[in-house]
Structure formats: C-alpha cells, structure tokens
C-alpha atoms as a PDB file:
ATOM      1  CA  MET A   1      33.109  46.936  17.832  1.00  0.00           C
ATOM      2  CA  SER A   2      33.982  43.632  19.280  1.00  0.00           C
ATOM      3  CA  ALA A   3      36.219  41.135  17.510  1.00  0.00           C
ATOM      4  CA  ALA A   4      33.472  38.585  17.182  1.00  0.00           C
ATOM      5  CA  SER A   5      31.278  41.074  15.214  1.00  0.00           C
ATOM      6  CA  VAL A   6      34.260  41.751  12.882  1.00  0.00           C
ATOM      7  CA  THR A   7      34.719  38.016  12.150  1.00  0.00           C
ATOM      8  CA  ASP A   8      30.982  37.525  11.501  1.00  0.00           C
ATOM      9  CA  LYS A   9      30.999  40.046   8.835  1.00  0.00           C
ATOM     10  CA  SER A  10      34.100  38.861   7.153  1.00  0.00           C
ATOM     11  CA  PRO A  11      33.947  38.151   3.406  1.00  0.00           C
ATOM     12  CA  VAL A  12      34.302  34.523   4.068  1.00  0.00           C
ATOM     13  CA  SER A  13      31.306  34.675   6.448  1.00  0.00           C
ATOM     14  CA  LEU A  14      29.296  36.586   3.800  1.00  0.00           C
ATOM     15  CA  GLN A  15      30.056  34.067   1.213  1.00  0.00           C
ATOM     16  CA  VAL A  16      29.006  31.180   3.192  1.00  0.00           C
ATOM     17  CA  GLY A  17      25.761  32.952   4.132  1.00  0.00           C
ATOM     18  CA  ARG A  18      25.054  33.551   0.360  1.00  0.00           C
ATOM     19  CA  SER A  19      25.938  29.992  -0.438  1.00  0.00           C
ATOM     20  CA  GLU A  20      23.477  28.763   2.310  1.00  0.00           C
ATOM     21  CA  ARG A  21      20.731  30.987   1.009  1.00  0.00           C
ATOM     22  CA  LYS A  22      21.179  29.690  -2.567  1.00  0.00           C
ATOM     23  CA  ARG A  23      21.050  26.224  -1.466  1.00  0.00           C
ATOM     24  CA  ARG A  24      17.746  26.629   0.557  1.00  0.00           C
ATOM     25  CA  LEU A  25      16.344  28.641  -2.598  1.00  0.00           C
ATOM     26  CA  PHE A  26      17.166  25.662  -4.913  1.00  0.00           C
ATOM     27  CA  ALA A  27      15.814  23.223  -2.382  1.00  0.00           C
ATOM     28  CA  ALA A  28      12.587  25.104  -2.197  1.00  0.00           C
ATOM     29  CA  ALA A  29      12.466  25.390  -6.052  1.00  0.00           C
ATOM     30  CA  GLY A  30      12.936  21.677  -6.262  1.00  0.00           C
ATOM     31  CA  LEU A  31      10.175  20.926  -3.820  1.00  0.00           C
ATOM     32  CA  ALA A  32       7.677  23.343  -5.151  1.00  0.00           C
ATOM     33  CA  PRO A  33       6.205  21.217  -7.917  1.00  0.00           C
ATOM     34  CA  LEU A  34       5.775  18.275  -5.591  1.00  0.00           C
ATOM     35  CA  ILE A  35       4.107  20.502  -2.947  1.00  0.00           C
ATOM     36  CA  LEU A  36       1.850  22.094  -5.516  1.00  0.00           C
ATOM     37  CA  TRP A  37       0.957  18.686  -6.945  1.00  0.00           C
ATOM     38  CA  GLN A  38       0.140  17.301  -3.475  1.00  0.00           C
ATOM     39  CA  PHE A  39      -1.977  20.534  -2.563  1.00  0.00           C
ATOM     40  CA  ILE A  40      -4.059  20.400  -5.866  1.00  0.00           C
ATOM     41  CA  PHE A  41      -4.619  16.690  -6.107  1.00  0.00           C
ATOM     42  CA  PHE A  42      -4.500  15.606  -2.536  1.00  0.00           C
ATOM     43  CA  VAL A  43      -5.130  18.535  -0.038  1.00  0.00           C
ATOM     44  CA  VAL A  44      -7.900  20.277  -1.995  1.00  0.00           C
ATOM     45  CA  PRO A  45     -10.037  17.054  -2.754  1.00  0.00           C
ATOM     46  CA  VAL A  46      -9.656  15.917   0.916  1.00  0.00           C
ATOM     47  CA  LEU A  47     -10.830  19.304   2.249  1.00  0.00           C
ATOM     48  CA  LEU A  48     -13.800  19.159  -0.281  1.00  0.00           C
ATOM     49  CA  LEU A  49     -14.583  15.736   0.922  1.00  0.00           C
ATOM     50  CA  LEU A  50     -14.385  16.988   4.592  1.00  0.00           C
ATOM     51  CA  VAL A  51     -16.722  19.847   4.045  1.00  0.00           C
ATOM     52  CA  ILE A  52     -19.335  17.671   2.113  1.00  0.00           C
ATOM     53  CA  SER A  53     -19.227  15.106   4.740  1.00  0.00           C
ATOM     54  CA  PHE A  54     -20.966  17.466   7.165  1.00  0.00           C
ATOM     55  CA  TRP A  55     -23.724  18.360   4.622  1.00  0.00           C
ATOM     56  CA  ARG A  56     -26.995  16.361   4.139  1.00  0.00           C
ATOM     57  CA  THR A  57     -28.880  15.048   1.066  1.00  0.00           C
ATOM     58  CA  LYS A  58     -32.469  15.915   0.454  1.00  0.00           C
ATOM     59  CA  SER A  59     -34.215  14.690  -2.604  1.00  0.00           C
ATOM     60  CA  TYR A  60     -30.971  13.425  -4.213  1.00  0.00           C
ATOM     61  CA  ARG A  61     -29.515  16.914  -3.768  1.00  0.00           C
ATOM     62  CA  MET A  62     -26.893  18.154  -1.334  1.00  0.00           C
ATOM     63  CA  VAL A  63     -27.866  20.634   1.068  1.00  0.00           C
ATOM     64  CA  PRO A  64     -25.031  22.851   2.717  1.00  0.00           C
ATOM     65  CA  ASP A  65     -25.566  22.292   6.362  1.00  0.00           C
ATOM     66  CA  PHE A  66     -23.585  21.177   9.301  1.00  0.00           C
ATOM     67  CA  THR A  67     -24.544  17.924  10.926  1.00  0.00           C
ATOM     68  CA  PHE A  68     -22.841  14.842  12.343  1.00  0.00           C
ATOM     69  CA  ASP A  69     -25.513  12.557  11.081  1.00  0.00           C
ATOM     70  CA  ASN A  70     -23.311  11.085   8.367  1.00  0.00           C
ATOM     71  CA  TYR A  71     -20.653  10.182  10.921  1.00  0.00           C
ATOM     72  CA  ILE A  72     -23.088   8.767  13.355  1.00  0.00           C
ATOM     73  CA  ALA A  73     -24.591   6.560  10.622  1.00  0.00           C
ATOM     74  CA  VAL A  74     -21.116   5.314   9.831  1.00  0.00           C
ATOM     75  CA  PHE A  75     -20.553   4.130  13.311  1.00  0.00           C
ATOM     76  CA  THR A  76     -23.960   2.785  13.973  1.00  0.00           C
ATOM     77  CA  ASN A  77     -24.509   0.927  10.636  1.00  0.00           C
ATOM     78  CA  GLY A  78     -23.878  -2.751  10.999  1.00  0.00           C
ATOM     79  CA  ALA A  79     -23.321  -3.123   7.275  1.00  0.00           C
ATOM     80  CA  MET A  80     -20.594  -0.526   7.500  1.00  0.00           C
ATOM     81  CA  TRP A  81     -18.701  -2.448  10.319  1.00  0.00           C
ATOM     82  CA  ARG A  82     -19.004  -5.807   8.324  1.00  0.00           C
ATOM     83  CA  ALA A  83     -17.610  -4.095   5.232  1.00  0.00           C
ATOM     84  CA  LEU A  84     -14.800  -2.754   7.375  1.00  0.00           C
ATOM     85  CA  ALA A  85     -14.131  -5.951   8.974  1.00  0.00           C
ATOM     86  CA  LEU A  86     -14.032  -7.770   5.530  1.00  0.00           C
ATOM     87  CA  SER A  87     -11.661  -5.137   4.143  1.00  0.00           C
ATOM     88  CA  VAL A  88      -9.231  -5.346   7.087  1.00  0.00           C
ATOM     89  CA  GLN A  89      -9.348  -9.200   7.017  1.00  0.00           C
ATOM     90  CA  THR A  90      -8.674  -9.343   3.256  1.00  0.00           C
ATOM     91  CA  ALA A  91      -6.018  -6.741   3.380  1.00  0.00           C
ATOM     92  CA  ALA A  92      -4.246  -8.388   6.340  1.00  0.00           C
ATOM     93  CA  PHE A  93      -4.462 -11.796   4.555  1.00  0.00           C
ATOM     94  CA  VAL A  94      -3.121 -10.419   1.242  1.00  0.00           C
ATOM     95  CA  THR A  95      -0.342  -8.675   3.147  1.00  0.00           C
ATOM     96  CA  VAL A  96       0.921 -11.746   4.953  1.00  0.00           C
ATOM     97  CA  ALA A  97       0.456 -14.001   1.830  1.00  0.00           C
ATOM     98  CA  CYS A  98       2.506 -11.215  -0.120  1.00  0.00           C
ATOM     99  CA  ALA A  99       5.343 -11.185   2.498  1.00  0.00           C
ATOM    100  CA  LEU A 100       5.644 -14.986   2.308  1.00  0.00           C
ATOM    101  CA  LEU A 101       5.793 -15.053  -1.370  1.00  0.00           C
ATOM    102  CA  ALA A 102       8.002 -11.898  -1.841  1.00  0.00           C
ATOM    103  CA  PHE A 103      10.805 -12.904   0.548  1.00  0.00           C
ATOM    104  CA  PRO A 104      12.224 -15.811  -1.420  1.00  0.00           C
ATOM    105  CA  ILE A 105      11.616 -13.951  -4.652  1.00  0.00           C
ATOM    106  CA  ALA A 106      13.587 -10.864  -3.405  1.00  0.00           C
ATOM    107  CA  TYR A 107      16.218 -12.940  -1.819  1.00  0.00           C
ATOM    108  CA  PHE A 108      16.890 -14.950  -4.903  1.00  0.00           C
ATOM    109  CA  ILE A 109      16.966 -11.818  -7.199  1.00  0.00           C
ATOM    110  CA  ALA A 110      19.322  -9.862  -4.519  1.00  0.00           C
ATOM    111  CA  LYS A 111      21.717 -12.781  -3.691  1.00  0.00           C
ATOM    112  CA  LYS A 112      21.425 -15.450  -6.225  1.00  0.00           C
ATOM    113  CA  ALA A 113      20.529 -14.130  -9.673  1.00  0.00           C
ATOM    114  CA  GLY A 114      23.839 -12.723 -10.641  1.00  0.00           C
ATOM    115  CA  ARG A 115      23.667 -11.194 -14.180  1.00  0.00           C
ATOM    116  CA  LEU A 116      19.957 -11.987 -14.386  1.00  0.00           C
ATOM    117  CA  LYS A 117      19.253  -9.556 -11.601  1.00  0.00           C
ATOM    118  CA  GLY A 118      18.242  -6.712 -13.906  1.00  0.00           C
ATOM    119  CA  LEU A 119      16.222  -8.890 -16.090  1.00  0.00           C
ATOM    120  CA  LEU A 120      14.262 -10.522 -13.217  1.00  0.00           C
ATOM    121  CA  LEU A 121      13.517  -6.914 -11.806  1.00  0.00           C
ATOM    122  CA  VAL A 122      11.997  -5.929 -15.151  1.00  0.00           C
ATOM    123  CA  ALA A 123       9.992  -9.174 -14.962  1.00  0.00           C
ATOM    124  CA  VAL A 124       8.663  -8.260 -11.410  1.00  0.00           C
ATOM    125  CA  ILE A 125       7.411  -4.926 -12.669  1.00  0.00           C
ATOM    126  CA  ALA A 126       6.131  -6.092 -16.107  1.00  0.00           C
ATOM    127  CA  PRO A 127       2.499  -6.626 -14.963  1.00  0.00           C
ATOM    128  CA  PHE A 128       2.221  -2.822 -14.265  1.00  0.00           C
ATOM    129  CA  TRP A 129       2.603  -2.329 -17.996  1.00  0.00           C
ATOM    130  CA  ILE A 130      -1.008  -3.817 -18.417  1.00  0.00           C
ATOM    131  CA  SER A 131      -4.057  -2.088 -17.098  1.00  0.00           C
ATOM    132  CA  ILE A 132      -5.242  -3.385 -13.873  1.00  0.00           C
ATOM    133  CA  VAL A 133      -8.797  -4.032 -15.405  1.00  0.00           C
ATOM    134  CA  MET A 134      -7.281  -6.284 -18.102  1.00  0.00           C
ATOM    135  CA  ARG A 135      -5.300  -8.143 -15.480  1.00  0.00           C
ATOM    136  CA  VAL A 136      -8.384  -8.661 -13.263  1.00  0.00           C
ATOM    137  CA  ALA A 137     -10.360  -9.802 -16.401  1.00  0.00           C
ATOM    138  CA  ALA A 138      -7.758 -12.381 -16.944  1.00  0.00           C
ATOM    139  CA  TRP A 139      -8.323 -13.790 -13.520  1.00  0.00           C
ATOM    140  CA  ARG A 140     -11.982 -14.068 -14.257  1.00  0.00           C
ATOM    141  CA  LEU A 141     -11.297 -16.345 -17.175  1.00  0.00           C
ATOM    142  CA  LEU A 142      -8.899 -18.446 -14.973  1.00  0.00           C
ATOM    143  CA  LEU A 143     -11.285 -18.684 -11.826  1.00  0.00           C
ATOM    144  CA  GLY A 144     -14.702 -19.053 -13.499  1.00  0.00           C
ATOM    145  CA  GLU A 145     -16.607 -22.366 -13.453  1.00  0.00           C
ATOM    146  CA  ASN A 146     -15.602 -22.991 -16.996  1.00  0.00           C
ATOM    147  CA  GLY A 147     -12.074 -21.523 -16.327  1.00  0.00           C
ATOM    148  CA  VAL A 148      -8.681 -23.024 -16.862  1.00  0.00           C
ATOM    149  CA  ILE A 149      -8.264 -23.896 -13.144  1.00  0.00           C
ATOM    150  CA  ASN A 150     -11.740 -25.590 -12.692  1.00  0.00           C
ATOM    151  CA  LYS A 151     -11.117 -27.726 -15.954  1.00  0.00           C
ATOM    152  CA  ALA A 152      -7.597 -28.707 -14.640  1.00  0.00           C
ATOM    153  CA  LEU A 153      -9.148 -29.693 -11.263  1.00  0.00           C
ATOM    154  CA  VAL A 154     -11.873 -31.812 -12.957  1.00  0.00           C
ATOM    155  CA  SER A 155      -9.554 -33.368 -15.486  1.00  0.00           C
ATOM    156  CA  ILE A 156      -7.114 -34.663 -12.871  1.00  0.00           C
ATOM    157  CA  GLY A 157      -9.892 -35.954 -10.582  1.00  0.00           C
ATOM    158  CA  LEU A 158      -9.468 -33.625  -7.501  1.00  0.00           C
ATOM    159  CA  VAL A 159     -13.149 -32.457  -7.894  1.00  0.00           C
ATOM    160  CA  ASP A 160     -16.185 -34.100  -9.664  1.00  0.00           C
ATOM    161  CA  ALA A 161     -17.814 -30.799 -10.621  1.00  0.00           C
ATOM    162  CA  PRO A 162     -16.282 -27.120 -11.024  1.00  0.00           C
ATOM    163  CA  VAL A 163     -16.157 -25.419  -7.848  1.00  0.00           C
ATOM    164  CA  SER A 164     -17.996 -22.254  -7.674  1.00  0.00           C
ATOM    165  CA  PHE A 165     -16.262 -20.360  -4.697  1.00  0.00           C
ATOM    166  CA  LEU A 166     -13.097 -19.544  -6.836  1.00  0.00           C
ATOM    167  CA  LEU A 167     -14.874 -16.604  -8.585  1.00  0.00           C
ATOM    168  CA  TYR A 168     -17.229 -14.000  -7.049  1.00  0.00           C
ATOM    169  CA  SER A 169     -15.955 -14.503  -3.502  1.00  0.00           C
ATOM    170  CA  PRO A 170     -13.560 -13.189  -1.055  1.00  0.00           C
ATOM    171  CA  VAL A 171     -11.146 -15.965  -2.038  1.00  0.00           C
ATOM    172  CA  ALA A 172     -11.086 -14.469  -5.849  1.00  0.00           C
ATOM    173  CA  THR A 173     -10.669 -11.020  -4.299  1.00  0.00           C
ATOM    174  CA  SER A 174      -7.746 -12.093  -2.210  1.00  0.00           C
ATOM    175  CA  ILE A 175      -6.035 -14.046  -5.255  1.00  0.00           C
ATOM    176  CA  GLY A 176      -6.477 -10.923  -7.335  1.00  0.00           C
ATOM    177  CA  LEU A 177      -5.085  -8.641  -4.732  1.00  0.00           C
ATOM    178  CA  ILE A 178      -2.164 -10.910  -4.115  1.00  0.00           C
ATOM    179  CA  TYR A 179      -1.332 -10.840  -7.864  1.00  0.00           C
ATOM    180  CA  ALA A 180      -1.646  -7.082  -8.006  1.00  0.00           C
ATOM    181  CA  TYR A 181       0.356  -6.141  -4.960  1.00  0.00           C
ATOM    182  CA  LEU A 182       3.170  -8.719  -4.802  1.00  0.00           C
ATOM    183  CA  PRO A 183       5.421  -6.486  -6.974  1.00  0.00           C
ATOM    184  CA  LEU A 184       5.041  -3.645  -4.617  1.00  0.00           C
ATOM    185  CA  TYR A 185       6.251  -6.003  -1.850  1.00  0.00           C
ATOM    186  CA  VAL A 186       9.071  -7.425  -3.840  1.00  0.00           C
ATOM    187  CA  LEU A 187      10.807  -4.255  -4.794  1.00  0.00           C
ATOM    188  CA  PRO A 188      11.406  -2.728  -1.183  1.00  0.00           C
ATOM    189  CA  LEU A 189      12.184  -6.036   0.240  1.00  0.00           C
ATOM    190  CA  TYR A 190      14.791  -6.558  -2.548  1.00  0.00           C
ATOM    191  CA  ALA A 191      16.491  -3.237  -1.888  1.00  0.00           C
ATOM    192  CA  SER A 192      16.618  -4.101   1.751  1.00  0.00           C
ATOM    193  CA  ILE A 193      18.217  -7.584   1.148  1.00  0.00           C
ATOM    194  CA  ASP A 194      20.496  -6.203  -1.567  1.00  0.00           C
ATOM    195  CA  ALA A 195      21.942  -3.945   0.900  1.00  0.00           C
ATOM    196  CA  ILE A 196      23.029  -6.649   3.313  1.00  0.00           C
ATOM    197  CA  GLU A 197      26.756  -7.391   2.665  1.00  0.00           C
ATOM    198  CA  ASP A 198      27.589 -11.003   2.069  1.00  0.00           C
ATOM    199  CA  ASN A 199      30.517 -10.661   4.449  1.00  0.00           C
ATOM    200  CA  TRP A 200      28.082 -10.115   7.409  1.00  0.00           C
ATOM    201  CA  ILE A 201      26.415 -13.407   6.620  1.00  0.00           C
ATOM    202  CA  ALA A 202      29.812 -15.126   6.257  1.00  0.00           C
ATOM    203  CA  ALA A 203      30.967 -13.450   9.565  1.00  0.00           C
ATOM    204  CA  ALA A 204      27.917 -15.122  11.279  1.00  0.00           C
ATOM    205  CA  LYS A 205      28.681 -18.544   9.784  1.00  0.00           C
ATOM    206  CA  ASP A 206      32.567 -18.242  10.863  1.00  0.00           C
ATOM    207  CA  LEU A 207      31.135 -17.792  14.347  1.00  0.00           C
ATOM    208  CA  ASN A 208      29.484 -21.292  14.103  1.00  0.00           C
ATOM    209  CA  ALA A 209      26.145 -19.961  13.150  1.00  0.00           C
ATOM    210  CA  GLY A 210      24.251 -22.486  10.848  1.00  0.00           C
ATOM    211  CA  PRO A 211      22.516 -21.211   7.762  1.00  0.00           C
ATOM    212  CA  PHE A 212      19.071 -20.883   9.745  1.00  0.00           C
ATOM    213  CA  ARG A 213      20.576 -19.012  12.645  1.00  0.00           C
ATOM    214  CA  ALA A 214      22.504 -16.665  10.149  1.00  0.00           C
ATOM    215  CA  PHE A 215      19.308 -16.082   8.457  1.00  0.00           C
ATOM    216  CA  TRP A 216      17.277 -15.528  11.760  1.00  0.00           C
ATOM    217  CA  GLU A 217      19.826 -13.278  13.339  1.00  0.00           C
ATOM    218  CA  VAL A 218      21.385 -11.311  10.420  1.00  0.00           C
ATOM    219  CA  THR A 219      19.350 -11.553   7.178  1.00  0.00           C
ATOM    220  CA  LEU A 220      15.960 -11.281   8.696  1.00  0.00           C
ATOM    221  CA  PRO A 221      16.538  -8.294  11.092  1.00  0.00           C
ATOM    222  CA  LEU A 222      18.281  -6.252   8.541  1.00  0.00           C
ATOM    223  CA  SER A 223      15.316  -7.005   6.072  1.00  0.00           C
ATOM    224  CA  LEU A 224      12.753  -5.630   8.526  1.00  0.00           C
ATOM    225  CA  PRO A 225      12.726  -2.070   6.848  1.00  0.00           C
ATOM    226  CA  GLY A 226      11.797  -3.576   3.423  1.00  0.00           C
ATOM    227  CA  LEU A 227       9.492  -5.963   5.007  1.00  0.00           C
ATOM    228  CA  ILE A 228       7.642  -3.075   6.855  1.00  0.00           C
ATOM    229  CA  VAL A 229       7.470  -0.857   3.754  1.00  0.00           C
ATOM    230  CA  GLY A 230       6.123  -3.711   1.704  1.00  0.00           C
ATOM    231  CA  ALA A 231       3.520  -4.404   4.386  1.00  0.00           C
ATOM    232  CA  VAL A 232       2.328  -0.834   4.498  1.00  0.00           C
ATOM    233  CA  PHE A 233       1.899  -0.771   0.728  1.00  0.00           C
ATOM    234  CA  CYS A 234       0.009  -4.125   0.483  1.00  0.00           C
ATOM    235  CA  PHE A 235      -2.418  -3.353   3.459  1.00  0.00           C
ATOM    236  CA  ILE A 236      -3.167   0.224   2.709  1.00  0.00           C
ATOM    237  CA  PHE A 237      -3.744  -0.300  -0.896  1.00  0.00           C
ATOM    238  CA  GLY A 238      -5.606  -3.433  -0.320  1.00  0.00           C
ATOM    239  CA  LEU A 239      -7.724  -1.714   2.355  1.00  0.00           C
ATOM    240  CA  GLY A 240      -8.958   0.922  -0.253  1.00  0.00           C
ATOM    241  CA  GLU A 241      -8.867  -1.197  -3.303  1.00  0.00           C
ATOM    242  CA  PHE A 242     -12.015  -0.961  -5.490  1.00  0.00           C
ATOM    243  CA  VAL A 243     -11.305  -2.432  -9.079  1.00  0.00           C
ATOM    244  CA  THR A 244     -10.451  -5.959  -7.888  1.00  0.00           C
ATOM    245  CA  PRO A 245     -13.247  -6.545  -5.404  1.00  0.00           C
ATOM    246  CA  ALA A 246     -15.787  -5.090  -7.702  1.00  0.00           C
ATOM    247  CA  LEU A 247     -14.789  -7.482 -10.534  1.00  0.00           C
ATOM    248  CA  LEU A 248     -14.005 -10.593  -8.742  1.00  0.00           C
ATOM    249  CA  GLY A 249     -15.882 -10.243  -5.489  1.00  0.00           C
ATOM    250  CA  GLY A 250     -19.301 -10.495  -7.004  1.00  0.00           C
ATOM    251  CA  GLY A 251     -20.942  -8.068  -4.794  1.00  0.00           C
ATOM    252  CA  LYS A 252     -22.156 -10.552  -2.348  1.00  0.00           C
ATOM    253  CA  GLN A 253     -19.922  -9.269   0.410  1.00  0.00           C
ATOM    254  CA  LEU A 254     -19.067  -5.602   0.033  1.00  0.00           C
ATOM    255  CA  MET A 255     -15.722  -4.032   1.125  1.00  0.00           C
ATOM    256  CA  VAL A 256     -15.620  -0.304   2.384  1.00  0.00           C
ATOM    257  CA  SER A 257     -14.435   1.033  -1.157  1.00  0.00           C
ATOM    258  CA  GLN A 258     -17.694  -0.615  -2.700  1.00  0.00           C
ATOM    259  CA  ILE A 259     -19.802   1.021  -0.089  1.00  0.00           C
ATOM    260  CA  ILE A 260     -18.299   4.387  -0.779  1.00  0.00           C
ATOM    261  CA  GLN A 261     -18.937   3.857  -4.457  1.00  0.00           C
ATOM    262  CA  ASP A 262     -22.506   2.858  -3.830  1.00  0.00           C
ATOM    263  CA  GLN A 263     -23.219   5.903  -1.811  1.00  0.00           C
ATOM    264  CA  PHE A 264     -21.747   8.198  -4.450  1.00  0.00           C
ATOM    265  CA  GLN A 265     -23.133   6.592  -7.712  1.00  0.00           C
ATOM    266  CA  ARG A 266     -26.237   4.600  -6.798  1.00  0.00           C
ATOM    267  CA  ARG A 267     -27.734   6.359  -3.930  1.00  0.00           C
ATOM    268  CA  LEU A 268     -26.430   9.906  -5.071  1.00  0.00           C
ATOM    269  CA  ASP A 269     -25.662  10.561  -1.255  1.00  0.00           C
ATOM    270  CA  TRP A 270     -22.433  12.138  -1.593  1.00  0.00           C
ATOM    271  CA  PRO A 271     -22.331  13.428   2.010  1.00  0.00           C
ATOM    272  CA  ALA A 272     -22.725   9.992   3.454  1.00  0.00           C
ATOM    273  CA  GLY A 273     -20.096   8.588   0.955  1.00  0.00           C
ATOM    274  CA  ALA A 274     -17.683  11.422   1.920  1.00  0.00           C
ATOM    275  CA  ALA A 275     -18.053  10.546   5.654  1.00  0.00           C
ATOM    276  CA  ILE A 276     -17.102   6.851   4.980  1.00  0.00           C
ATOM    277  CA  ALA A 277     -14.284   8.068   2.927  1.00  0.00           C
ATOM    278  CA  ILE A 278     -12.975  10.368   5.649  1.00  0.00           C
ATOM    279  CA  VAL A 279     -13.192   7.759   8.254  1.00  0.00           C
ATOM    280  CA  LEU A 280     -11.295   5.205   6.027  1.00  0.00           C
ATOM    281  CA  LEU A 281      -8.706   8.022   5.439  1.00  0.00           C
ATOM    282  CA  LEU A 282      -8.208   8.595   9.133  1.00  0.00           C
ATOM    283  CA  ILE A 283      -7.740   4.806   9.640  1.00  0.00           C
ATOM    284  CA  VAL A 284      -5.011   4.798   6.899  1.00  0.00           C
ATOM    285  CA  PHE A 285      -3.370   8.005   8.509  1.00  0.00           C
ATOM    286  CA  VAL A 286      -3.242   6.092  11.853  1.00  0.00           C
ATOM    287  CA  LEU A 287      -1.822   2.897  10.310  1.00  0.00           C
ATOM    288  CA  LEU A 288       0.791   5.091   8.398  1.00  0.00           C
ATOM    289  CA  ALA A 289       1.873   6.850  11.754  1.00  0.00           C
ATOM    290  CA  LEU A 290       2.226   3.466  13.417  1.00  0.00           C
ATOM    291  CA  SER A 291       4.103   1.824  10.540  1.00  0.00           C
ATOM    292  CA  MET A 292       6.488   4.821  10.264  1.00  0.00           C
ATOM    293  CA  LYS A 293       7.162   4.504  14.123  1.00  0.00           C
ATOM    294  CA  TRP A 294       7.964   0.928  13.725  1.00  0.00           C
ATOM    295  CA  PHE A 295      10.055   1.447  10.585  1.00  0.00           C
ATOM    296  CA  ARG A 296      12.249   3.931  12.398  1.00  0.00           C
ATOM    297  CA  LYS A 297      12.595   1.447  15.162  1.00  0.00           C
ATOM    298  CA  ALA A 298      13.613  -1.212  12.861  1.00  0.00           C
ATOM    299  CA  SER A 299      15.958   0.978  10.889  1.00  0.00           C
ATOM    300  CA  GLY A 300      17.676   2.162  14.121  1.00  0.00           C
ATOM    301  CA  GLU A 301      16.695   5.807  13.789  1.00  0.00           C
ATOM    302  CA  LYS A 302      15.857   7.712  17.116  1.00  0.00           C
ATOM    303  CA  LEU A 303      12.241   8.118  17.740  1.00  0.00           C
END
C-alpha cells in the first residue's frame, strides 16, 4: 500500500469527504423547492404549449396531429409581423424612457437621500401593493377626453379641444408601461449605484476630472450591470404585456400578447395561439442569452 493511499483514507480526509457530501446534500435540498416550482409551473406548461402548437383545429376542436401549418402561418401572416413590430417598438421605447427616468431617481436615492433612503425605496415599490388592473384603470381616468390631463390642457389654453390620442392608442400603452415598469428599473440600478464607493468618484476628481467626466468614466460604467438588468426586465415584460395594452391600447393596433389571447379565447384556435406563444418565448430566450452575455462582459466576468 502506497503512502498516498494511506493519506487519502486518513480520518481527516474522511471527515472532509463527509462534510462535502453534507454540504452538497443541503444545497440540493435547498434548491429542490425552486426546481420543483419551475418544473410544475414553467416547464410543464411550456411543454404542453409546444405539443399543442403542432396540432390543428377542426370545428373549434383540437385534433392531435403533427403539422407545421401553425408556424408557417405565424411567419407568413402580415398582421402577426405588424403586431410583433409594434410590440418590439413599444417595448424598446418603454425601456429607453424608463432608463432615462430611473437613473436620476436611483442616483438620488443611493447617493443623496441619506436617512430617507429606506423611505424612498418603499415609495418606489409602493405601486406594487395595488393591483395592476386598478392602476391602469386610474390612467384611463387621467388620459380620457374628459380626464384630468385634457381638462388641464384646455384650461391653460394649450389646446382648443380635448385631444383624443392620449387614450386608446400606442401613446397610452407606452405611458402605462412606463408607469408599471419604472420601479423594476430603479431597484437594480439603485443596487449598482449604491455599490459604487464615493472614494472612487473623489479619486477621479482629485485627478482633475470634472463632474461630467467623473460621471462618464466612473459612475456610468460601474452602473452598467444595473442598467442592463433593468433594461432586460422592462423590455421582456413590455414585449409580452397584455393587461396594459388591452385596457389602454383600445384594440386598434394589436400587440403580440393580444393576438395570442384572441386566438385562445375568441377564435378558440389553441394550436395557433400556442405556436405564436412559442415563437414569442424563443425571441425572449434569445434576448435573455444576449443580455446575459452583455451583462457578464459589463461586470467583468469571463465569457
């Protein structure tokens, strides 16, 4: 028996091995509820959608079959492309607007709020305590032709009559989405900015960097992880949002989520709706993969 094998079976090595097995067992036990949750409520529904997407509909009933007709219809339907373009355009606009609005809010809370930091963070997430339907309904009261905004515009003389494009239009949908997702952008951005040491900014200024250059070369690059995470939240949630476009969009220009709902509920063509949902899911996965690659590059991790 060699000296190495004797060393491997020493009491110390056996104790280390048992500790490592216990650590892995506890880690697996801790992850088990999350894995089970994801399997039941994400993997299984997606697999069902994938299977149904290859079926066909006959006399409003699903027929178990295998056909690519639903996917061919997705990529050859002009209305589908228009809805996808509108969804991407709206989600991109909402993401950029949320970034521009969230940065000063997150910066103020992280660097200037002092003792009010906790209170302001609670204020940021306070809208989530109210149902999204009620929040969107409130915007209908504000944006309608007889709403608060139109009355204010008429009373101060900016317009002669109430403007109609504020409600039931892509403008209203964008306003509602910005309001809904702004907190989701502020929180990760706040975490990134709060992690920036004040000494790093002071060091840049000691090296004759002005406030703008210190912001551009220190604060902004170190805020990129928060900017990317917030952008991913806003864009992906905005791409698949249904409630806000349905209540504020008016149905004149449909987004992808509304077409999916239309296929499932009004046309009772579940295979077609499932195919559109799978295509949208694949688009989201591709965007997530690209954003994660960008996030790792921005945070300095090896790709």
